[in-house]
Amino acid sequence: MIAGFVNQDLEPMVPVAILDINGYRWRREVIVDTGFDSDLTLDAEFIGQLGFTPAGQTEMTLADGQTIKCNFYEATVIWDGDYRGVYVMESENQFLLGTNLFRGSTLTVQMWEGGDVVID
């Protein structure tokens, strides 16, 4: 089970532990984005701190319908106690959790500030 909270902007947030290139664990709160069908987006500055190098480029369609090219990276996260390989998309300023990472799970969100977010 992954437990989080709803922030003041009514965005469901959950913690994600991601390993850098040396195996050190970093924890970040990310927004659960049910409109994003990949694994994870992180901003370029944080990706640089993790020491990742691009695995390639891909196109990503944004919520406004705009299609952009972005770098992607291969990474490892600790998800509900298990190590999982993921793709990280580079964004300008977003930390988003996509539906691919919690596929097959139940997402419960209490939609008020301070409400519970549970992925089980």
N, C-alpha and C. Protein backbone atom coordinates (compact mmCIF):
# COMPACT_ATOMS: atom_id res chain seq x y z
N MET A 1 0.84 -1.18 0.00
CA MET A 1 0.00 0.00 0.00
C MET A 1 0.89 1.24 0.00
N ILE A 2 0.53 2.22 -0.82
CA ILE A 2 1.19 3.52 -0.87
C ILE A 2 0.19 4.53 -0.32
N ALA A 3 0.61 5.32 0.65
CA ALA A 3 -0.29 6.30 1.28
C ALA A 3 0.23 7.70 1.05
N GLY A 4 -0.68 8.61 0.74
CA GLY A 4 -0.33 10.00 0.52
C GLY A 4 -1.42 10.92 1.03
N PHE A 5 -1.50 12.11 0.45
CA PHE A 5 -2.43 13.13 0.92
C PHE A 5 -2.85 14.01 -0.26
N VAL A 6 -3.92 14.76 -0.06
CA VAL A 6 -4.36 15.74 -1.04
C VAL A 6 -3.84 17.10 -0.59
N ASN A 7 -3.12 17.80 -1.48
CA ASN A 7 -2.52 19.08 -1.11
C ASN A 7 -3.53 20.23 -1.20
N GLN A 8 -3.07 21.44 -0.94
CA GLN A 8 -3.96 22.61 -0.90
C GLN A 8 -4.54 22.95 -2.26
N ASP A 9 -3.92 22.46 -3.35
CA ASP A 9 -4.46 22.68 -4.70
C ASP A 9 -5.35 21.52 -5.15
N LEU A 10 -5.72 20.66 -4.20
CA LEU A 10 -6.56 19.47 -4.44
C LEU A 10 -5.91 18.49 -5.42
N GLU A 11 -4.58 18.37 -5.31
CA GLU A 11 -3.83 17.40 -6.12
C GLU A 11 -3.47 16.22 -5.23
N PRO A 12 -3.80 15.00 -5.66
CA PRO A 12 -3.40 13.83 -4.87
C PRO A 12 -1.89 13.61 -4.97
N MET A 13 -1.24 13.49 -3.83
CA MET A 13 0.22 13.37 -3.75
C MET A 13 0.58 12.04 -3.08
N VAL A 14 1.62 11.39 -3.60
CA VAL A 14 2.15 10.19 -2.96
C VAL A 14 3.68 10.26 -2.98
N PRO A 15 4.33 9.60 -2.03
CA PRO A 15 5.79 9.57 -2.04
C PRO A 15 6.31 8.51 -3.01
N VAL A 16 7.41 8.83 -3.67
CA VAL A 16 8.10 7.86 -4.52
C VAL A 16 9.57 7.87 -4.12
N ALA A 17 10.13 6.69 -3.92
CA ALA A 17 11.57 6.55 -3.64
C ALA A 17 12.24 6.14 -4.94
N ILE A 18 13.22 6.93 -5.38
CA ILE A 18 13.92 6.68 -6.64
C ILE A 18 15.41 6.58 -6.34
N LEU A 19 16.08 5.64 -7.00
CA LEU A 19 17.50 5.43 -6.78
C LEU A 19 18.31 6.24 -7.78
N ASP A 20 19.38 6.91 -7.29
CA ASP A 20 20.27 7.62 -8.20
C ASP A 20 21.28 6.63 -8.80
N ILE A 21 22.22 7.13 -9.59
CA ILE A 21 23.16 6.24 -10.28
C ILE A 21 24.09 5.50 -9.32
N ASN A 22 24.20 5.98 -8.07
CA ASN A 22 25.03 5.31 -7.07
C ASN A 22 24.22 4.42 -6.13
N GLY A 23 22.91 4.30 -6.38
CA GLY A 23 22.06 3.47 -5.55
C GLY A 23 21.52 4.16 -4.31
N TYR A 24 21.81 5.47 -4.18
CA TYR A 24 21.27 6.23 -3.05
C TYR A 24 19.80 6.51 -3.27
N ARG A 25 19.01 6.37 -2.23
CA ARG A 25 17.55 6.54 -2.31
C ARG A 25 17.15 7.99 -2.06
N TRP A 26 16.39 8.56 -3.00
CA TRP A 26 15.83 9.90 -2.87
C TRP A 26 14.31 9.74 -2.76
N ARG A 27 13.69 10.56 -1.95
CA ARG A 27 12.23 10.51 -1.81
C ARG A 27 11.66 11.84 -2.26
N ARG A 28 10.64 11.76 -3.10
CA ARG A 28 9.94 12.95 -3.57
C ARG A 28 8.44 12.70 -3.53
N GLU A 29 7.69 13.74 -3.22
CA GLU A 29 6.24 13.70 -3.32
C GLU A 29 5.89 14.03 -4.77
N VAL A 30 5.04 13.22 -5.37
CA VAL A 30 4.65 13.42 -6.77
C VAL A 30 3.13 13.47 -6.86
N ILE A 31 2.64 14.16 -7.88
CA ILE A 31 1.21 14.27 -8.13
C ILE A 31 0.73 13.03 -8.87
N VAL A 32 -0.34 12.42 -8.41
CA VAL A 32 -0.96 11.31 -9.13
C VAL A 32 -1.74 11.90 -10.29
N ASP A 33 -1.35 11.54 -11.52
CA ASP A 33 -1.96 12.10 -12.72
C ASP A 33 -2.59 10.97 -13.53
N THR A 34 -3.91 10.82 -13.38
CA THR A 34 -4.60 9.72 -14.08
C THR A 34 -4.71 9.95 -15.58
N GLY A 35 -4.32 11.13 -16.06
CA GLY A 35 -4.30 11.40 -17.49
C GLY A 35 -2.95 11.11 -18.13
N PHE A 36 -1.97 10.70 -17.34
CA PHE A 36 -0.61 10.41 -17.81
C PHE A 36 -0.43 8.90 -17.79
N ASP A 37 -0.23 8.29 -18.95
CA ASP A 37 -0.24 6.83 -19.03
C ASP A 37 1.14 6.18 -18.98
N SER A 38 2.18 6.92 -18.68
CA SER A 38 3.51 6.32 -18.55
C SER A 38 3.82 6.13 -17.06
N ASP A 39 5.10 6.17 -16.69
CA ASP A 39 5.49 5.89 -15.30
C ASP A 39 5.63 7.15 -14.45
N LEU A 40 6.57 8.03 -14.84
CA LEU A 40 6.95 9.11 -13.94
C LEU A 40 7.52 10.26 -14.75
N THR A 41 7.24 11.50 -14.33
CA THR A 41 7.97 12.65 -14.86
C THR A 41 8.66 13.33 -13.69
N LEU A 42 9.87 13.80 -13.96
CA LEU A 42 10.65 14.56 -13.00
C LEU A 42 11.23 15.76 -13.72
N ASP A 43 11.55 16.80 -12.97
CA ASP A 43 12.12 17.97 -13.65
C ASP A 43 13.61 17.76 -13.93
N ALA A 44 14.11 18.55 -14.88
CA ALA A 44 15.48 18.38 -15.37
C ALA A 44 16.50 18.58 -14.25
N GLU A 45 16.25 19.52 -13.35
CA GLU A 45 17.20 19.77 -12.26
C GLU A 45 17.34 18.54 -11.36
N PHE A 46 16.23 17.94 -10.98
CA PHE A 46 16.28 16.75 -10.12
C PHE A 46 16.91 15.57 -10.86
N ILE A 47 16.59 15.41 -12.14
CA ILE A 47 17.21 14.34 -12.93
C ILE A 47 18.73 14.51 -12.94
N GLY A 48 19.19 15.76 -13.05
CA GLY A 48 20.63 16.03 -13.00
C GLY A 48 21.23 15.64 -11.65
N GLN A 49 20.51 15.89 -10.56
CA GLN A 49 20.98 15.51 -9.22
C GLN A 49 21.11 13.99 -9.10
N LEU A 50 20.22 13.27 -9.78
CA LEU A 50 20.26 11.81 -9.75
C LEU A 50 21.39 11.24 -10.60
N GLY A 51 21.94 12.07 -11.50
CA GLY A 51 23.06 11.63 -12.33
C GLY A 51 22.66 10.83 -13.55
N PHE A 52 21.40 10.88 -13.92
CA PHE A 52 20.91 10.10 -15.05
C PHE A 52 21.39 10.69 -16.37
N THR A 53 21.60 9.83 -17.34
CA THR A 53 21.86 10.26 -18.72
C THR A 53 20.69 9.77 -19.57
N PRO A 54 20.34 10.53 -20.61
CA PRO A 54 19.17 10.16 -21.41
C PRO A 54 19.32 8.79 -22.07
N ALA A 55 18.22 8.05 -22.06
CA ALA A 55 18.16 6.78 -22.78
C ALA A 55 17.62 6.99 -24.19
N GLY A 56 17.05 8.17 -24.44
CA GLY A 56 16.49 8.49 -25.74
C GLY A 56 15.55 9.67 -25.64
N GLN A 57 14.85 9.90 -26.75
CA GLN A 57 13.83 10.96 -26.80
C GLN A 57 12.52 10.35 -27.23
N THR A 58 11.44 10.95 -26.77
CA THR A 58 10.11 10.50 -27.13
C THR A 58 9.20 11.71 -27.27
N GLU A 59 8.05 11.49 -27.87
CA GLU A 59 7.03 12.54 -27.94
C GLU A 59 6.04 12.32 -26.81
N MET A 60 5.59 13.42 -26.25
CA MET A 60 4.61 13.37 -25.17
C MET A 60 3.52 14.38 -25.48
N THR A 61 2.27 13.96 -25.34
CA THR A 61 1.14 14.86 -25.55
C THR A 61 0.71 15.42 -24.21
N LEU A 62 0.68 16.74 -24.12
CA LEU A 62 0.31 17.42 -22.88
C LEU A 62 -1.20 17.52 -22.74
N ALA A 63 -1.66 17.92 -21.58
CA ALA A 63 -3.10 18.02 -21.31
C ALA A 63 -3.79 18.99 -22.25
N ASP A 64 -3.07 20.01 -22.74
CA ASP A 64 -3.68 20.98 -23.66
C ASP A 64 -3.66 20.52 -25.12
N GLY A 65 -3.20 19.28 -25.35
CA GLY A 65 -3.17 18.71 -26.70
C GLY A 65 -1.86 18.96 -27.44
N GLN A 66 -1.00 19.79 -26.90
CA GLN A 66 0.29 20.08 -27.52
C GLN A 66 1.20 18.85 -27.42
N THR A 67 1.89 18.52 -28.50
CA THR A 67 2.85 17.42 -28.51
C THR A 67 4.26 18.00 -28.46
N ILE A 68 5.06 17.48 -27.52
CA ILE A 68 6.43 17.95 -27.36
C ILE A 68 7.38 16.76 -27.39
N LYS A 69 8.64 17.03 -27.69
CA LYS A 69 9.68 16.01 -27.57
C LYS A 69 10.35 16.19 -26.22
N CYS A 70 10.64 15.07 -25.57
CA CYS A 70 11.33 15.16 -24.30
C CYS A 70 12.29 13.98 -24.14
N ASN A 71 13.31 14.19 -23.33
CA ASN A 71 14.23 13.11 -23.01
C ASN A 71 13.54 12.13 -22.06
N PHE A 72 13.93 10.85 -22.18
CA PHE A 72 13.48 9.90 -21.18
C PHE A 72 14.69 9.15 -20.64
N TYR A 73 14.52 8.60 -19.45
CA TYR A 73 15.60 7.97 -18.71
C TYR A 73 15.09 6.65 -18.15
N GLU A 74 15.99 5.71 -17.97
CA GLU A 74 15.65 4.46 -17.29
C GLU A 74 16.08 4.61 -15.84
N ALA A 75 15.21 4.22 -14.93
CA ALA A 75 15.48 4.39 -13.51
C ALA A 75 14.88 3.24 -12.73
N THR A 76 15.22 3.21 -11.45
CA THR A 76 14.65 2.23 -10.54
C THR A 76 13.98 2.97 -9.39
N VAL A 77 12.76 2.56 -9.09
CA VAL A 77 12.05 3.10 -7.93
C VAL A 77 11.75 1.95 -6.97
N ILE A 78 11.54 2.33 -5.73
CA ILE A 78 11.05 1.35 -4.75
C ILE A 78 9.57 1.62 -4.61
N TRP A 79 8.77 0.67 -5.06
CA TRP A 79 7.33 0.84 -5.14
C TRP A 79 6.67 -0.23 -4.29
N ASP A 80 6.07 0.18 -3.20
CA ASP A 80 5.40 -0.74 -2.28
C ASP A 80 6.36 -1.84 -1.83
N GLY A 81 7.62 -1.45 -1.57
CA GLY A 81 8.62 -2.38 -1.06
C GLY A 81 9.39 -3.15 -2.12
N ASP A 82 8.99 -3.06 -3.38
CA ASP A 82 9.67 -3.78 -4.46
C ASP A 82 10.46 -2.81 -5.34
N TYR A 83 11.59 -3.29 -5.86
CA TYR A 83 12.36 -2.51 -6.82
C TYR A 83 11.74 -2.70 -8.20
N ARG A 84 11.46 -1.59 -8.88
CA ARG A 84 10.83 -1.66 -10.20
C ARG A 84 11.55 -0.74 -11.17
N GLY A 85 11.81 -1.26 -12.36
CA GLY A 85 12.36 -0.44 -13.42
C GLY A 85 11.26 0.42 -14.02
N VAL A 86 11.57 1.70 -14.24
CA VAL A 86 10.58 2.63 -14.78
C VAL A 86 11.23 3.51 -15.84
N TYR A 87 10.38 4.16 -16.61
CA TYR A 87 10.82 5.21 -17.52
C TYR A 87 10.46 6.55 -16.89
N VAL A 88 11.43 7.44 -16.87
CA VAL A 88 11.24 8.79 -16.35
C VAL A 88 11.26 9.75 -17.52
N MET A 89 10.21 10.53 -17.67
CA MET A 89 10.15 11.56 -18.69
C MET A 89 10.62 12.87 -18.08
N GLU A 90 11.39 13.63 -18.84
CA GLU A 90 11.88 14.92 -18.35
C GLU A 90 10.85 16.00 -18.60
N SER A 91 10.57 16.79 -17.57
CA SER A 91 9.64 17.90 -17.73
C SER A 91 10.30 19.16 -17.19
N GLU A 92 9.68 20.28 -17.47
CA GLU A 92 10.25 21.55 -17.01
C GLU A 92 10.11 21.72 -15.50
N ASN A 93 8.97 21.33 -14.96
CA ASN A 93 8.77 21.59 -13.53
C ASN A 93 7.75 20.66 -12.88
N GLN A 94 7.52 19.51 -13.45
CA GLN A 94 6.47 18.62 -12.95
C GLN A 94 7.05 17.34 -12.34
N PHE A 95 6.48 16.92 -11.25
CA PHE A 95 6.74 15.62 -10.65
C PHE A 95 5.42 14.87 -10.69
N LEU A 96 5.26 14.00 -11.68
CA LEU A 96 3.97 13.32 -11.89
C LEU A 96 4.14 11.81 -11.86
N LEU A 97 3.17 11.15 -11.27
CA LEU A 97 3.09 9.69 -11.27
C LEU A 97 2.03 9.29 -12.27
N GLY A 98 2.43 8.49 -13.25
CA GLY A 98 1.50 8.05 -14.28
C GLY A 98 0.84 6.73 -13.96
N THR A 99 -0.21 6.43 -14.68
CA THR A 99 -1.02 5.25 -14.39
C THR A 99 -0.28 3.93 -14.63
N ASN A 100 0.74 3.92 -15.48
CA ASN A 100 1.45 2.67 -15.74
C ASN A 100 2.11 2.12 -14.47
N LEU A 101 2.56 3.01 -13.60
CA LEU A 101 3.24 2.56 -12.39
C LEU A 101 2.28 1.91 -11.40
N PHE A 102 1.02 2.33 -11.38
CA PHE A 102 0.08 1.70 -10.44
C PHE A 102 -1.02 0.90 -11.15
N ARG A 103 -0.71 0.46 -12.36
CA ARG A 103 -1.63 -0.41 -13.11
C ARG A 103 -1.98 -1.65 -12.27
N GLY A 104 -3.25 -2.01 -12.26
CA GLY A 104 -3.71 -3.19 -11.51
C GLY A 104 -3.99 -2.90 -10.04
N SER A 105 -3.84 -1.66 -9.63
CA SER A 105 -4.07 -1.27 -8.24
C SER A 105 -5.40 -0.52 -8.12
N THR A 106 -5.81 -0.31 -6.90
CA THR A 106 -6.97 0.52 -6.62
C THR A 106 -6.48 1.86 -6.09
N LEU A 107 -6.96 2.94 -6.69
CA LEU A 107 -6.63 4.30 -6.26
C LEU A 107 -7.84 4.87 -5.54
N THR A 108 -7.64 5.31 -4.29
CA THR A 108 -8.70 5.93 -3.51
C THR A 108 -8.22 7.32 -3.11
N VAL A 109 -9.05 8.34 -3.40
CA VAL A 109 -8.69 9.72 -3.09
C VAL A 109 -9.85 10.39 -2.38
N GLN A 110 -9.59 10.95 -1.21
CA GLN A 110 -10.56 11.78 -0.52
C GLN A 110 -10.31 13.21 -1.01
N MET A 111 -11.19 13.73 -1.85
CA MET A 111 -10.96 14.98 -2.57
C MET A 111 -11.26 16.22 -1.73
N TRP A 112 -10.46 16.41 -0.71
CA TRP A 112 -10.45 17.65 0.06
C TRP A 112 -9.04 17.83 0.58
N GLU A 113 -8.68 19.09 0.86
CA GLU A 113 -7.33 19.36 1.36
C GLU A 113 -7.06 18.54 2.60
N GLY A 114 -5.95 17.81 2.59
CA GLY A 114 -5.59 16.95 3.71
C GLY A 114 -6.22 15.57 3.64
N GLY A 115 -7.03 15.32 2.60
CA GLY A 115 -7.65 14.00 2.45
C GLY A 115 -6.61 12.93 2.17
N ASP A 116 -7.00 11.68 2.40
CA ASP A 116 -6.11 10.55 2.19
C ASP A 116 -6.06 10.15 0.72
N VAL A 117 -4.88 9.70 0.30
CA VAL A 117 -4.67 9.09 -1.02
C VAL A 117 -4.07 7.72 -0.74
N VAL A 118 -4.70 6.67 -1.29
CA VAL A 118 -4.22 5.31 -1.07
C VAL A 118 -4.17 4.58 -2.41
N ILE A 119 -3.02 3.99 -2.69
CA ILE A 119 -2.88 3.09 -3.85
C ILE A 119 -2.62 1.72 -3.26
N ASP A 120 -3.54 0.79 -3.53
CA ASP A 120 -3.48 -0.54 -2.92
C ASP A 120 -3.64 -1.61 -3.97
